C-alpha cells in the first residue's frame, strides 16, 4: 500500500511540474520584449521544457515503474 502512495506522489509531482511549465512560460511571454532580448522566445520555451518537462517525464516514468513492480511483486 505504501508503494501506491509513492506512485500517487510521483503522478501529482509530475502534474505540478507540467502546470509550472505552463505558468512559467506564460509569465515569460508577458515579460518578453523582442527589442530588448537578442534570443528568440522559443529558446525560453526550450529552457523551460528542460527545467520542467524533462523532470516531469522522469518522475512519471519512476511512478509507472513503481506501479508496475508493485503489481508483479
PDB file of N, CA and C in Angstrom:
ATOM      1  N   UNK A   1       0.814  -1.191   0.000  1.00  0.00           N
ATOM      2  CA  UNK A   1       0.000   0.000   0.000  1.00  0.00           C
ATOM      3  C   UNK A   1       0.863   1.263   0.000  1.00  0.00           C
ATOM      4  N   UNK A   2       1.997   1.206   0.673  1.00  0.00           N
ATOM      5  CA  UNK A   2       2.868   2.378   0.708  1.00  0.00           C
ATOM      6  C   UNK A   2       3.430   2.704  -0.668  1.00  0.00           C
ATOM      7  N   UNK A   3       3.665   1.673  -1.471  1.00  0.00           N
ATOM      8  CA  UNK A   3       4.187   1.912  -2.813  1.00  0.00           C
ATOM      9  C   UNK A   3       3.165   2.637  -3.678  1.00  0.00           C
ATOM     10  N   UNK A   4       1.896   2.358  -3.497  1.00  0.00           N
ATOM     11  CA  UNK A   4       0.873   3.053  -4.259  1.00  0.00           C
ATOM     12  C   UNK A   4       0.809   4.527  -3.878  1.00  0.00           C
ATOM     13  N   UNK A   5       1.062   4.845  -2.609  1.00  0.00           N
ATOM     14  CA  UNK A   5       1.121   6.247  -2.214  1.00  0.00           C
ATOM     15  C   UNK A   5       2.294   6.942  -2.892  1.00  0.00           C
ATOM     16  N   UNK A   6       3.400   6.233  -3.045  1.00  0.00           N
ATOM     17  CA  UNK A   6       4.543   6.782  -3.764  1.00  0.00           C
ATOM     18  C   UNK A   6       4.226   7.024  -5.221  1.00  0.00           C
ATOM     19  N   UNK A   7       3.420   6.149  -5.799  1.00  0.00           N
ATOM     20  CA  UNK A   7       3.006   6.312  -7.190  1.00  0.00           C
ATOM     21  C   UNK A   7       2.150   7.564  -7.324  1.00  0.00           C
ATOM     22  N   UNK A   8       1.219   7.751  -6.391  1.00  0.00           N
ATOM     23  CA  UNK A   8       0.374   8.940  -6.429  1.00  0.00           C
ATOM     24  C   UNK A   8       1.206  10.210  -6.274  1.00  0.00           C
ATOM     25  N   UNK A   9       2.183  10.166  -5.393  1.00  0.00           N
ATOM     26  CA  UNK A   9       3.064  11.323  -5.205  1.00  0.00           C
ATOM     27  C   UNK A   9       3.823  11.621  -6.490  1.00  0.00           C
ATOM     28  N   UNK A  10       4.311  10.592  -7.150  1.00  0.00           N
ATOM     29  CA  UNK A  10       5.036  10.788  -8.408  1.00  0.00           C
ATOM     30  C   UNK A  10       4.130  11.398  -9.478  1.00  0.00           C
ATOM     31  N   UNK A  11       2.910  10.908  -9.587  1.00  0.00           N
ATOM     32  CA  UNK A  11       1.988  11.432 -10.599  1.00  0.00           C
ATOM     33  C   UNK A  11       1.590  12.876 -10.297  1.00  0.00           C
ATOM     34  N   UNK A  12       1.335  13.181  -9.026  1.00  0.00           N
ATOM     35  CA  UNK A  12       0.979  14.556  -8.651  1.00  0.00           C
ATOM     36  C   UNK A  12       2.149  15.492  -8.885  1.00  0.00           C
ATOM     37  N   UNK A  13       3.345  15.066  -8.519  1.00  0.00           N
ATOM     38  CA  UNK A  13       4.530  15.891  -8.744  1.00  0.00           C
ATOM     39  C   UNK A  13       4.752  16.135 -10.226  1.00  0.00           C
ATOM     40  N   UNK A  14       4.536  15.115 -11.033  1.00  0.00           N
ATOM     41  CA  UNK A  14       4.679  15.266 -12.476  1.00  0.00           C
ATOM     42  C   UNK A  14       3.663  16.265 -13.020  1.00  0.00           C
ATOM     43  N   UNK A  15       2.424  16.179 -12.555  1.00  0.00           N
ATOM     44  CA  UNK A  15       1.392  17.116 -12.999  1.00  0.00           C
ATOM     45  C   UNK A  15       1.720  18.542 -12.551  1.00  0.00           C
ATOM     46  N   UNK A  16       2.229  18.701 -11.338  1.00  0.00           N
ATOM     47  CA  UNK A  16       2.603  20.032 -10.847  1.00  0.00           C
ATOM     48  C   UNK A  16       3.745  20.628 -11.667  1.00  0.00           C
ATOM     49  N   UNK A  17       4.678  19.807 -12.093  1.00  0.00           N
ATOM     50  CA  UNK A  17       5.763  20.296 -12.933  1.00  0.00           C
ATOM     51  C   UNK A  17       5.249  20.754 -14.297  1.00  0.00           C
ATOM     52  N   UNK A  18       4.285  20.051 -14.854  1.00  0.00           N
ATOM     53  CA  UNK A  18       3.710  20.464 -16.130  1.00  0.00           C
ATOM     54  C   UNK A  18       2.952  21.775 -15.972  1.00  0.00           C
ATOM     55  N   UNK A  19       2.198  21.905 -14.891  1.00  0.00           N
ATOM     56  CA  UNK A  19       1.484  23.158 -14.622  1.00  0.00           C
ATOM     57  C   UNK A  19       2.480  24.291 -14.404  1.00  0.00           C
ATOM     58  N   UNK A  20       3.566  24.012 -13.705  1.00  0.00           N
ATOM     59  CA  UNK A  20       4.615  25.017 -13.510  1.00  0.00           C
ATOM     60  C   UNK A  20       5.231  25.455 -14.827  1.00  0.00           C
ATOM     61  N   UNK A  21       5.412  24.519 -15.745  1.00  0.00           N
ATOM     62  CA  UNK A  21       5.922  24.856 -17.069  1.00  0.00           C
ATOM     63  C   UNK A  21       4.988  25.818 -17.787  1.00  0.00           C
ATOM     64  N   UNK A  22       3.701  25.513 -17.742  1.00  0.00           N
ATOM     65  CA  UNK A  22       2.725  26.362 -18.430  1.00  0.00           C
ATOM     66  C   UNK A  22       2.704  27.758 -17.815  1.00  0.00           C
ATOM     67  N   UNK A  23       2.663  27.831 -16.495  1.00  0.00           N
ATOM     68  CA  UNK A  23       2.613  29.134 -15.818  1.00  0.00           C
ATOM     69  C   UNK A  23       3.885  29.927 -16.069  1.00  0.00           C
ATOM     70  N   UNK A  24       5.032  29.273 -15.972  1.00  0.00           N
ATOM     71  CA  UNK A  24       6.300  29.965 -16.191  1.00  0.00           C
ATOM     72  C   UNK A  24       6.430  30.449 -17.627  1.00  0.00           C
ATOM     73  N   UNK A  25       5.950  29.678 -18.585  1.00  0.00           N
ATOM     74  CA  UNK A  25       6.007  30.093 -19.982  1.00  0.00           C
ATOM     75  C   UNK A  25       5.100  31.295 -20.233  1.00  0.00           C
ATOM     76  N   UNK A  26       3.922  31.307 -19.608  1.00  0.00           N
ATOM     77  CA  UNK A  26       3.019  32.452 -19.754  1.00  0.00           C
ATOM     78  C   UNK A  26       3.641  33.705 -19.147  1.00  0.00           C
ATOM     79  N   UNK A  27       4.259  33.565 -17.992  1.00  0.00           N
ATOM     80  CA  UNK A  27       4.919  34.712 -17.358  1.00  0.00           C
ATOM     81  C   UNK A  27       6.076  35.211 -18.215  1.00  0.00           C
ATOM     82  N   UNK A  28       6.867  34.287 -18.752  1.00  0.00           N
ATOM     83  CA  UNK A  28       7.967  34.696 -19.633  1.00  0.00           C
ATOM     84  C   UNK A  28       7.456  35.408 -20.881  1.00  0.00           C
ATOM     85  N   UNK A  29       6.337  34.939 -21.421  1.00  0.00           N
ATOM     86  CA  UNK A  29       5.767  35.578 -22.610  1.00  0.00           C
ATOM     87  C   UNK A  29       5.302  36.998 -22.288  1.00  0.00           C
ATOM     88  N   UNK A  30       4.724  37.182 -21.127  1.00  0.00           N
ATOM     89  CA  UNK A  30       4.254  38.511 -20.735  1.00  0.00           C
ATOM     90  C   UNK A  30       5.423  39.476 -20.542  1.00  0.00           C
ATOM     91  N   UNK A  31       6.554  38.961 -20.094  1.00  0.00           N
ATOM     92  CA  UNK A  31       7.727  39.803 -19.843  1.00  0.00           C
ATOM     93  C   UNK A  31       8.631  39.959 -21.071  1.00  0.00           C
ATOM     94  N   UNK A  32       8.405  39.144 -22.096  1.00  0.00           N
ATOM     95  CA  UNK A  32       9.289  39.127 -23.255  1.00  0.00           C
ATOM     96  C   UNK A  32       9.087  40.388 -24.100  1.00  0.00           C
ATOM     97  N   UNK A  33      10.199  40.959 -24.491  1.00  0.00           N
ATOM     98  CA  UNK A  33      10.181  42.118 -25.376  1.00  0.00           C
ATOM     99  C   UNK A  33      11.220  41.858 -26.460  1.00  0.00           C
ATOM    100  N   UNK A  34      10.775  41.745 -27.687  1.00  0.00           N
ATOM    101  CA  UNK A  34      11.692  41.351 -28.761  1.00  0.00           C
ATOM    102  C   UNK A  34      12.752  42.403 -29.047  1.00  0.00           C
ATOM    103  N   UNK A  35      12.494  43.651 -28.709  1.00  0.00           N
ATOM    104  CA  UNK A  35      13.507  44.679 -28.966  1.00  0.00           C
ATOM    105  C   UNK A  35      14.599  44.662 -27.908  1.00  0.00           C
ATOM    106  N   UNK A  36      14.322  44.132 -26.725  1.00  0.00           N
ATOM    107  CA  UNK A  36      15.324  44.101 -25.662  1.00  0.00           C
ATOM    108  C   UNK A  36      16.075  42.778 -25.581  1.00  0.00           C
ATOM    109  N   UNK A  37      15.480  41.705 -26.061  1.00  0.00           N
ATOM    110  CA  UNK A  37      16.089  40.382 -25.974  1.00  0.00           C
ATOM    111  C   UNK A  37      16.670  39.991 -27.326  1.00  0.00           C
ATOM    112  N   UNK A  38      17.902  39.521 -27.280  1.00  0.00           N
ATOM    113  CA  UNK A  38      18.516  39.094 -28.532  1.00  0.00           C
ATOM    114  C   UNK A  38      18.129  37.653 -28.874  1.00  0.00           C
ATOM    115  N   UNK A  39      17.722  36.883 -27.873  1.00  0.00           N
ATOM    116  CA  UNK A  39      17.340  35.492 -28.111  1.00  0.00           C
ATOM    117  C   UNK A  39      15.858  35.416 -28.463  1.00  0.00           C
ATOM    118  N   UNK A  40      15.523  34.546 -29.398  1.00  0.00           N
ATOM    119  CA  UNK A  40      14.100  34.380 -29.720  1.00  0.00           C
ATOM    120  C   UNK A  40      13.350  33.715 -28.562  1.00  0.00           C
ATOM    121  N   UNK A  41      12.039  33.916 -28.543  1.00  0.00           N
ATOM    122  CA  UNK A  41      11.233  33.426 -27.423  1.00  0.00           C
ATOM    123  C   UNK A  41      11.222  31.904 -27.337  1.00  0.00           C
ATOM    124  N   UNK A  42      11.342  31.234 -28.466  1.00  0.00           N
ATOM    125  CA  UNK A  42      11.285  29.773 -28.411  1.00  0.00           C
ATOM    126  C   UNK A  42      12.454  29.190 -27.617  1.00  0.00           C
ATOM    127  N   UNK A  43      13.551  29.925 -27.488  1.00  0.00           N
ATOM    128  CA  UNK A  43      14.647  29.434 -26.647  1.00  0.00           C
ATOM    129  C   UNK A  43      14.256  29.442 -25.170  1.00  0.00           C
ATOM    130  N   UNK A  44      13.456  30.412 -24.757  1.00  0.00           N
ATOM    131  CA  UNK A  44      12.963  30.412 -23.384  1.00  0.00           C
ATOM    132  C   UNK A  44      12.015  29.236 -23.159  1.00  0.00           C
ATOM    133  N   UNK A  45      11.238  28.895 -24.173  1.00  0.00           N
ATOM    134  CA  UNK A  45      10.351  27.734 -24.060  1.00  0.00           C
ATOM    135  C   UNK A  45      11.180  26.455 -23.932  1.00  0.00           C
ATOM    136  N   UNK A  46      12.264  26.355 -24.685  1.00  0.00           N
ATOM    137  CA  UNK A  46      13.134  25.177 -24.608  1.00  0.00           C
ATOM    138  C   UNK A  46      13.768  25.066 -23.229  1.00  0.00           C
ATOM    139  N   UNK A  47      14.226  26.187 -22.682  1.00  0.00           N
ATOM    140  CA  UNK A  47      14.820  26.181 -21.343  1.00  0.00           C
ATOM    141  C   UNK A  47      13.777  25.770 -20.306  1.00  0.00           C
ATOM    142  N   UNK A  48      12.568  26.300 -20.426  1.00  0.00           N
ATOM    143  CA  UNK A  48      11.502  25.905 -19.511  1.00  0.00           C
ATOM    144  C   UNK A  48      11.189  24.414 -19.634  1.00  0.00           C
ATOM    145  N   UNK A  49      11.219  23.901 -20.844  1.00  0.00           N
ATOM    146  CA  UNK A  49      10.963  22.474 -21.050  1.00  0.00           C
ATOM    147  C   UNK A  49      12.041  21.623 -20.396  1.00  0.00           C
ATOM    148  N   UNK A  50      13.279  22.065 -20.497  1.00  0.00           N
ATOM    149  CA  UNK A  50      14.374  21.323 -19.863  1.00  0.00           C
ATOM    150  C   UNK A  50      14.224  21.355 -18.343  1.00  0.00           C
ATOM    151  N   UNK A  51      13.814  22.496 -17.810  1.00  0.00           N
ATOM    152  CA  UNK A  51      13.705  22.650 -16.356  1.00  0.00           C
ATOM    153  C   UNK A  51      12.445  22.011 -15.779  1.00  0.00           C
ATOM    154  N   UNK A  52      11.373  21.918 -16.548  1.00  0.00           N
ATOM    155  CA  UNK A  52      10.112  21.425 -16.009  1.00  0.00           C
ATOM    156  C   UNK A  52       9.650  20.111 -16.640  1.00  0.00           C
ATOM    157  N   UNK A  53       9.629  20.038 -17.954  1.00  0.00           N
ATOM    158  CA  UNK A  53       9.053  18.867 -18.623  1.00  0.00           C
ATOM    159  C   UNK A  53       9.958  17.638 -18.500  1.00  0.00           C
ATOM    160  N   UNK A  54      11.256  17.818 -18.638  1.00  0.00           N
ATOM    161  CA  UNK A  54      12.166  16.670 -18.517  1.00  0.00           C
ATOM    162  C   UNK A  54      12.067  16.015 -17.131  1.00  0.00           C
ATOM    163  N   UNK A  55      12.121  16.787 -16.032  1.00  0.00           N
ATOM    164  CA  UNK A  55      11.921  16.141 -14.727  1.00  0.00           C
ATOM    165  C   UNK A  55      10.525  15.541 -14.558  1.00  0.00           C
ATOM    166  N   UNK A  56       9.514  16.175 -15.160  1.00  0.00           N
ATOM    167  CA  UNK A  56       8.155  15.631 -15.067  1.00  0.00           C
ATOM    168  C   UNK A  56       8.082  14.264 -15.728  1.00  0.00           C
ATOM    169  N   UNK A  57       8.731  14.114 -16.862  1.00  0.00           N
ATOM    170  CA  UNK A  57       8.741  12.822 -17.552  1.00  0.00           C
ATOM    171  C   UNK A  57       9.485  11.782 -16.719  1.00  0.00           C
ATOM    172  N   UNK A  58      10.607  12.178 -16.140  1.00  0.00           N
ATOM    173  CA  UNK A  58      11.391  11.247 -15.318  1.00  0.00           C
ATOM    174  C   UNK A  58      10.584  10.783 -14.110  1.00  0.00           C
ATOM    175  N   UNK A  59       9.930  11.713 -13.415  1.00  0.00           N
ATOM    176  CA  UNK A  59       9.136  11.358 -12.240  1.00  0.00           C
ATOM    177  C   UNK A  59       7.950  10.477 -12.637  1.00  0.00           C
ATOM    178  N   UNK A  60       7.323  10.786 -13.765  1.00  0.00           N
ATOM    179  CA  UNK A  60       6.205   9.974 -14.240  1.00  0.00           C
ATOM    180  C   UNK A  60       6.651   8.549 -14.539  1.00  0.00           C
ATOM    181  N   UNK A  61       7.796   8.399 -15.191  1.00  0.00           N
ATOM    182  CA  UNK A  61       8.310   7.063 -15.514  1.00  0.00           C
ATOM    183  C   UNK A  61       8.663   6.302 -14.235  1.00  0.00           C
ATOM    184  N   UNK A  62       9.235   6.990 -13.255  1.00  0.00           N
ATOM    185  CA  UNK A  62       9.549   6.344 -11.977  1.00  0.00           C
ATOM    186  C   UNK A  62       8.269   5.848 -11.311  1.00  0.00           C
ATOM    187  N   UNK A  63       7.242   6.671 -11.309  1.00  0.00           N
ATOM    188  CA  UNK A  63       5.962   6.250 -10.753  1.00  0.00           C
ATOM    189  C   UNK A  63       5.376   5.070 -11.490  1.00  0.00           C
ATOM    190  N   UNK A  64       5.486   5.076 -12.807  1.00  0.00           N
ATOM    191  CA  UNK A  64       4.984   3.965 -13.615  1.00  0.00           C
ATOM    192  C   UNK A  64       5.739   2.675 -13.302  1.00  0.00           C
ATOM    193  N   UNK A  65       7.041   2.776 -13.151  1.00  0.00           N
ATOM    194  CA  UNK A  65       7.854   1.592 -12.835  1.00  0.00           C
ATOM    195  C   UNK A  65       7.509   1.059 -11.450  1.00  0.00           C
ATOM    196  N   UNK A  66       7.344   1.955 -10.484  1.00  0.00           N
ATOM    197  CA  UNK A  66       6.965   1.526  -9.131  1.00  0.00           C
ATOM    198  C   UNK A  66       5.610   0.819  -9.166  1.00  0.00           C
ATOM    199  N   UNK A  67       4.667   1.373  -9.911  1.00  0.00           N
ATOM    200  CA  UNK A  67       3.341   0.780 -10.006  1.00  0.00           C
ATOM    201  C   UNK A  67       3.400  -0.590 -10.658  1.00  0.00           C
ATOM    202  N   UNK A  68       4.214  -0.715 -11.703  1.00  0.00           N
ATOM    203  CA  UNK A  68       4.318  -1.991 -12.417  1.00  0.00           C
ATOM    204  C   UNK A  68       4.985  -3.046 -11.524  1.00  0.00           C
ATOM    205  N   UNK A  69       6.021  -2.642 -10.785  1.00  0.00           N
ATOM    206  CA  UNK A  69       6.700  -3.594  -9.918  1.00  0.00           C
ATOM    207  C   UNK A  69       5.823  -4.017  -8.736  1.00  0.00           C
ATOM    208  N   UNK A  70       4.990  -3.116  -8.235  1.00  0.00           N
ATOM    209  CA  UNK A  70       4.133  -3.479  -7.111  1.00  0.00           C
ATOM    210  C   UNK A  70       3.030  -4.449  -7.540  1.00  0.00           C
ATOM    211  N   UNK A  71       2.616  -4.402  -8.795  1.00  0.00           N
ATOM    212  CA  UNK A  71       1.602  -5.346  -9.280  1.00  0.00           C
ATOM    213  C   UNK A  71       2.193  -6.726  -9.485  1.00  0.00           C
ATOM    214  N   UNK A  72       3.444  -6.799  -9.953  1.00  0.00           N
ATOM    215  CA  UNK A  72       4.054  -8.106 -10.228  1.00  0.00           C
ATOM    216  C   UNK A  72       4.599  -8.739  -8.965  1.00  0.00           C
ATOM    217  N   UNK A  73       4.978  -7.927  -7.989  1.00  0.00           N
ATOM    218  CA  UNK A  73       5.613  -8.461  -6.789  1.00  0.00           C
ATOM    219  C   UNK A  73       4.667  -8.583  -5.707  1.00  0.00           C
TER     220      UNK A  73
END
